[in-house]
Amino acid sequence: MPTPPSASSPTLHEALFHPVTGSRPATEIIQQIRDLIHARRLRADDRLPPERDLAEQLAVSRNSVRQALRSLEEQGLLVIRKGATGGAFVQGGGAGAVPTLMSDLFSLGAIRPQDLTETRVMVGVEVVRLACERCSDDEIDQLEDNVRAAEQATEADNLALRTELNLEFHRMLARMTGNALLIAITDGVVTVTQQFVERIGRTPTSYVMPFRRRLLKLLRARDVDGAAAEMRRHLLQQQKLYLKAVANLEGNTPL
């Protein structure tokens, strides 16, 4: 019968980390955690040791550990939860890193308006195609609830709520595909689209709700080609409006 581990035996997490030796401890801590995730020695929803334990294992200050964990949270690789059962957890699937990266690239000017609008068309059409094939009736009901709430927000002239519901509409469609990568990519595209719209200002939206009602009917009928074509028409129309707004910006301010 194997001997049970003693109280002083290292835990799994203690065996994962090694002391930092360089002059930039937070950067090295980030790299260690990234390497462990890439090697699948840390997996989605795993909890890292408490800050004090990490600081001891890495031979650094708790401030360096805290700085590294916050940076990884901002990058979407970790989520930090409060309370007795809280701590730093590996983000489920690491999907949060995709919108963070895309948002940074857009802010730096590496993603142009043309890039964004073209990608919206390509991704959006395929998302709807798969969603129509795979979604349940309950998911379509939930999507219709979203459309109804957006219509009510429009009537109440609640722009903030309408925008939030409109963006969630596309995320819901992506979740209906059951494809984790499409969900992450869509989340990134939606995040960048929100930044983009904030820069160019409001564009005509009267066509949006009628489009969504038509799309709902096609989804309920399981008309895959019809739903994909409807989404393509809609996104191409938005592409034209968005790029026109960019061209009309005073002084052609770079986006």
Protein backbone atom coordinates (compact mmCIF):
# COMPACT_ATOMS: atom_id res chain seq x y z
CA MET A 1 0.00 0.00 0.00
CA PRO A 2 1.57 3.36 -1.00
CA THR A 3 2.60 5.74 1.77
CA PRO A 4 0.32 8.77 1.95
CA PRO A 5 2.02 12.11 1.35
CA SER A 6 3.19 13.96 4.44
CA ALA A 7 1.99 17.41 5.36
CA SER A 8 5.23 18.83 3.97
CA SER A 9 4.94 17.09 0.57
CA PRO A 10 4.66 19.52 -2.36
CA THR A 11 1.25 19.92 -3.97
CA LEU A 12 0.71 19.77 -7.72
CA HIS A 13 0.78 23.56 -7.99
CA GLU A 14 3.89 23.86 -5.83
CA ALA A 15 5.71 21.58 -8.25
CA LEU A 16 4.74 23.75 -11.23
CA PHE A 17 6.48 27.00 -10.34
CA HIS A 18 10.18 27.77 -9.93
CA PRO A 19 12.00 30.81 -8.52
CA VAL A 20 12.33 33.89 -10.70
CA THR A 21 15.90 35.00 -11.30
CA GLY A 22 15.69 37.95 -13.71
CA SER A 23 15.36 41.69 -13.15
CA ARG A 24 11.71 41.84 -14.34
CA PRO A 25 9.87 39.47 -12.00
CA ALA A 26 6.31 40.25 -13.12
CA THR A 27 7.22 39.57 -16.76
CA GLU A 28 8.84 36.26 -15.83
CA ILE A 29 5.86 35.22 -13.72
CA ILE A 30 3.53 35.95 -16.63
CA GLN A 31 5.70 33.84 -18.92
CA GLN A 32 5.79 30.92 -16.46
CA ILE A 33 2.00 30.88 -16.23
CA ARG A 34 1.63 31.20 -20.00
CA ASP A 35 4.06 28.33 -20.54
CA LEU A 36 2.12 26.14 -18.12
CA ILE A 37 -1.15 26.89 -19.92
CA HIS A 38 0.40 26.18 -23.32
CA ALA A 39 1.84 22.89 -21.99
CA ARG A 40 -1.63 22.03 -20.59
CA ARG A 41 -0.21 21.68 -17.10
CA LEU A 42 -2.65 24.42 -16.13
CA ARG A 43 -6.12 23.97 -17.57
CA ALA A 44 -9.36 25.92 -17.79
CA ASP A 45 -10.84 26.66 -14.34
CA ASP A 46 -7.70 25.57 -12.44
CA ARG A 47 -7.06 27.75 -9.41
CA LEU A 48 -3.57 29.10 -8.86
CA PRO A 49 -2.04 29.04 -5.37
CA PRO A 50 -2.77 32.06 -3.14
CA GLU A 51 -0.60 35.14 -3.66
CA ARG A 52 1.49 34.44 -0.55
CA ASP A 53 2.26 30.87 -1.64
CA LEU A 54 3.06 31.98 -5.19
CA ALA A 55 5.40 34.67 -3.87
CA GLU A 56 7.26 32.06 -1.78
CA GLN A 57 7.51 29.55 -4.64
CA LEU A 58 8.66 32.19 -7.12
CA ALA A 59 10.95 33.91 -4.57
CA VAL A 60 9.48 37.35 -5.32
CA SER A 61 7.40 39.96 -3.53
CA ARG A 62 3.62 39.66 -3.33
CA ASN A 63 3.43 42.96 -5.21
CA SER A 64 5.20 41.36 -8.21
CA VAL A 65 2.78 38.42 -8.08
CA ARG A 66 -0.22 40.75 -7.89
CA GLN A 67 1.06 42.81 -10.83
CA ALA A 68 1.50 39.66 -12.95
CA LEU A 69 -1.93 38.26 -12.08
CA ARG A 70 -3.67 41.55 -12.86
CA SER A 71 -1.90 41.74 -16.20
CA LEU A 72 -2.98 38.20 -17.09
CA GLU A 73 -6.54 39.05 -16.06
CA GLU A 74 -6.49 42.08 -18.38
CA GLN A 75 -5.23 39.81 -21.17
CA GLY A 76 -8.17 37.45 -20.59
CA LEU A 77 -6.14 34.43 -19.44
CA LEU A 78 -7.09 34.60 -15.76
CA VAL A 79 -10.17 35.63 -13.82
CA ILE A 80 -9.75 36.88 -10.24
CA ARG A 81 -12.65 36.14 -7.89
CA LYS A 82 -13.24 37.60 -4.45
CA GLY A 83 -14.34 35.86 -1.27
CA ALA A 84 -13.46 32.76 0.71
CA THR A 85 -13.66 30.52 -2.37
CA GLY A 86 -12.02 33.09 -4.63
CA GLY A 87 -8.55 33.40 -6.06
CA ALA A 88 -6.91 33.50 -9.48
CA PHE A 89 -8.43 30.99 -11.91
CA VAL A 90 -7.45 30.06 -15.45
CA GLN A 91 -10.12 31.55 -17.70
CA GLY A 92 -12.38 28.85 -19.15
CA GLY A 93 -10.95 28.14 -22.58
CA GLY A 94 -8.89 31.33 -22.43
CA ALA A 95 -11.48 32.86 -24.78
CA GLY A 96 -11.23 36.23 -23.06
CA ALA A 97 -7.79 36.68 -24.58
CA VAL A 98 -9.21 36.96 -28.10
CA PRO A 99 -11.29 40.15 -27.66
CA THR A 100 -8.52 41.68 -25.55
CA LEU A 101 -5.92 41.07 -28.25
CA MET A 102 -8.21 42.28 -31.05
CA SER A 103 -9.15 45.37 -29.05
CA ASP A 104 -5.48 46.20 -28.52
CA LEU A 105 -4.71 45.71 -32.22
CA PHE A 106 -7.60 48.00 -33.17
CA SER A 107 -6.47 50.67 -30.70
CA LEU A 108 -2.98 50.51 -32.21
CA GLY A 109 -4.35 50.92 -35.73
CA ALA A 110 -3.37 47.41 -36.85
CA ILE A 111 -7.02 46.55 -37.61
CA ARG A 112 -8.43 48.96 -40.20
CA PRO A 113 -12.14 49.69 -40.65
CA GLN A 114 -12.06 47.74 -43.92
CA ASP A 115 -10.50 44.76 -42.13
CA LEU A 116 -13.16 44.84 -39.42
CA THR A 117 -16.15 45.15 -41.73
CA GLU A 118 -14.91 42.43 -44.09
CA THR A 119 -14.34 40.07 -41.17
CA ARG A 120 -17.80 40.82 -39.76
CA VAL A 121 -19.33 39.68 -43.04
CA MET A 122 -17.28 36.50 -43.34
CA VAL A 123 -17.65 35.42 -39.71
CA GLY A 124 -21.25 36.55 -39.30
CA VAL A 125 -22.52 34.62 -42.31
CA GLU A 126 -20.88 31.36 -41.25
CA VAL A 127 -22.04 31.81 -37.66
CA VAL A 128 -25.65 32.10 -38.80
CA ARG A 129 -25.30 29.13 -41.11
CA LEU A 130 -24.06 26.88 -38.30
CA ALA A 131 -26.48 28.36 -35.75
CA CYS A 132 -29.41 27.58 -38.02
CA GLU A 133 -28.26 23.98 -38.39
CA ARG A 134 -27.51 23.34 -34.72
CA CYS A 135 -29.60 25.57 -32.47
CA SER A 136 -32.54 24.44 -30.35
CA ASP A 137 -36.02 25.94 -30.30
CA ASP A 138 -35.30 27.23 -26.78
CA GLU A 139 -32.25 29.11 -28.05
CA ILE A 140 -34.34 30.73 -30.78
CA ASP A 141 -36.87 31.72 -28.11
CA GLN A 142 -34.07 33.36 -26.12
CA LEU A 143 -32.88 35.17 -29.23
CA GLU A 144 -36.42 36.45 -29.80
CA ASP A 145 -36.51 37.69 -26.20
CA ASN A 146 -33.36 39.67 -26.98
CA VAL A 147 -34.95 41.20 -30.09
CA ARG A 148 -38.11 42.10 -28.19
CA ALA A 149 -36.09 43.76 -25.43
CA ALA A 150 -34.07 45.70 -28.02
CA GLU A 151 -37.29 46.91 -29.67
CA GLN A 152 -38.55 48.14 -26.30
CA ALA A 153 -35.23 49.89 -25.62
CA THR A 154 -35.50 51.58 -29.02
CA GLU A 155 -39.04 52.79 -28.26
CA ALA A 156 -37.84 54.13 -24.90
CA ASP A 157 -34.88 55.84 -26.61
CA ASN A 158 -32.54 53.95 -24.26
CA LEU A 159 -29.48 53.98 -26.50
CA ALA A 160 -27.12 52.32 -24.01
CA LEU A 161 -29.42 49.35 -23.39
CA ARG A 162 -30.24 48.98 -27.08
CA THR A 163 -26.54 48.89 -27.96
CA GLU A 164 -25.84 46.30 -25.26
CA LEU A 165 -28.69 44.09 -26.51
CA ASN A 166 -27.66 44.49 -30.14
CA LEU A 167 -24.12 43.34 -29.39
CA GLU A 168 -25.38 40.44 -27.27
CA PHE A 169 -27.56 39.34 -30.22
CA HIS A 170 -24.43 38.44 -32.21
CA ARG A 171 -22.81 36.71 -29.23
CA MET A 172 -25.96 34.64 -28.75
CA LEU A 173 -25.90 33.54 -32.38
CA ALA A 174 -22.27 32.47 -31.96
CA ARG A 175 -23.08 30.43 -28.85
CA MET A 176 -25.81 28.68 -30.81
CA THR A 177 -23.13 27.20 -33.10
CA GLY A 178 -21.53 25.28 -30.21
CA ASN A 179 -18.13 26.11 -31.76
CA ALA A 180 -15.77 27.47 -29.08
CA LEU A 181 -13.43 29.17 -31.55
CA LEU A 182 -16.27 30.89 -33.43
CA ILE A 183 -17.64 32.07 -30.09
CA ALA A 184 -14.27 33.58 -29.15
CA ILE A 185 -13.75 35.17 -32.57
CA THR A 186 -17.26 36.62 -32.58
CA ASP A 187 -16.70 38.05 -29.11
CA GLY A 188 -13.55 39.72 -30.41
CA VAL A 189 -15.28 41.10 -33.50
CA VAL A 190 -18.18 42.40 -31.40
CA THR A 191 -15.78 44.06 -28.95
CA VAL A 192 -13.90 45.84 -31.73
CA THR A 193 -17.16 46.79 -33.48
CA GLN A 194 -18.29 48.50 -30.27
CA GLN A 195 -15.04 50.50 -30.14
CA PHE A 196 -15.36 51.36 -33.81
CA VAL A 197 -18.97 52.59 -33.53
CA GLU A 198 -18.03 54.73 -30.53
CA ARG A 199 -15.43 56.45 -32.72
CA ILE A 200 -17.52 57.06 -35.82
CA GLY A 201 -20.72 58.00 -34.00
CA ARG A 202 -24.29 56.91 -34.66
CA THR A 203 -25.34 55.60 -38.05
CA PRO A 204 -28.89 54.87 -39.32
CA THR A 205 -30.43 51.90 -37.48
CA SER A 206 -34.06 51.78 -38.62
CA TYR A 207 -33.34 48.70 -40.73
CA VAL A 208 -31.87 46.65 -37.86
CA MET A 209 -35.02 45.42 -36.08
CA PRO A 210 -36.87 44.44 -39.28
CA PHE A 211 -33.77 42.46 -40.30
CA ARG A 212 -33.73 40.61 -37.00
CA ARG A 213 -37.41 39.72 -37.27
CA ARG A 214 -36.81 38.29 -40.75
CA LEU A 215 -33.81 36.36 -39.49
CA LEU A 216 -35.81 34.87 -36.63
CA LYS A 217 -38.40 33.54 -39.08
CA LEU A 218 -35.69 31.95 -41.20
CA LEU A 219 -34.07 30.38 -38.15
CA ARG A 220 -37.38 28.90 -36.99
CA ALA A 221 -37.95 27.52 -40.49
CA ARG A 222 -34.41 26.04 -40.42
CA ASP A 223 -33.75 27.78 -43.74
CA VAL A 224 -29.95 27.68 -43.59
CA ASP A 225 -29.27 29.28 -46.99
CA GLY A 226 -31.96 31.90 -46.46
CA ALA A 227 -30.64 32.85 -43.01
CA ALA A 228 -27.06 33.09 -44.29
CA ALA A 229 -28.14 35.26 -47.24
CA GLU A 230 -30.18 37.53 -44.94
CA MET A 231 -27.21 38.02 -42.62
CA ARG A 232 -24.91 38.69 -45.56
CA ARG A 233 -27.22 41.41 -46.93
CA HIS A 234 -27.48 42.99 -43.51
CA LEU A 235 -23.74 43.04 -42.80
CA LEU A 236 -22.90 44.35 -46.28
CA GLN A 237 -25.39 47.16 -45.72
CA GLN A 238 -23.72 47.97 -42.40
CA GLN A 239 -20.30 47.79 -44.02
CA LYS A 240 -21.33 50.43 -46.55
CA LEU A 241 -22.72 52.71 -43.82
CA TYR A 242 -19.71 52.29 -41.56
CA LEU A 243 -17.14 52.97 -44.27
CA LYS A 244 -19.12 55.98 -45.46
CA ALA A 245 -19.09 57.33 -41.90
CA VAL A 246 -15.32 56.87 -41.78
CA ALA A 247 -14.88 58.74 -45.05
CA ASN A 248 -17.09 61.58 -43.82
CA LEU A 249 -15.23 62.14 -40.57
CA GLU A 250 -13.93 65.67 -40.43
CA GLY A 251 -10.31 65.78 -41.55
CA ASN A 252 -10.34 62.02 -42.27
CA THR A 253 -9.23 61.30 -38.69
CA PRO A 254 -7.38 57.96 -38.69
CA LEU A 255 -9.22 55.08 -37.01
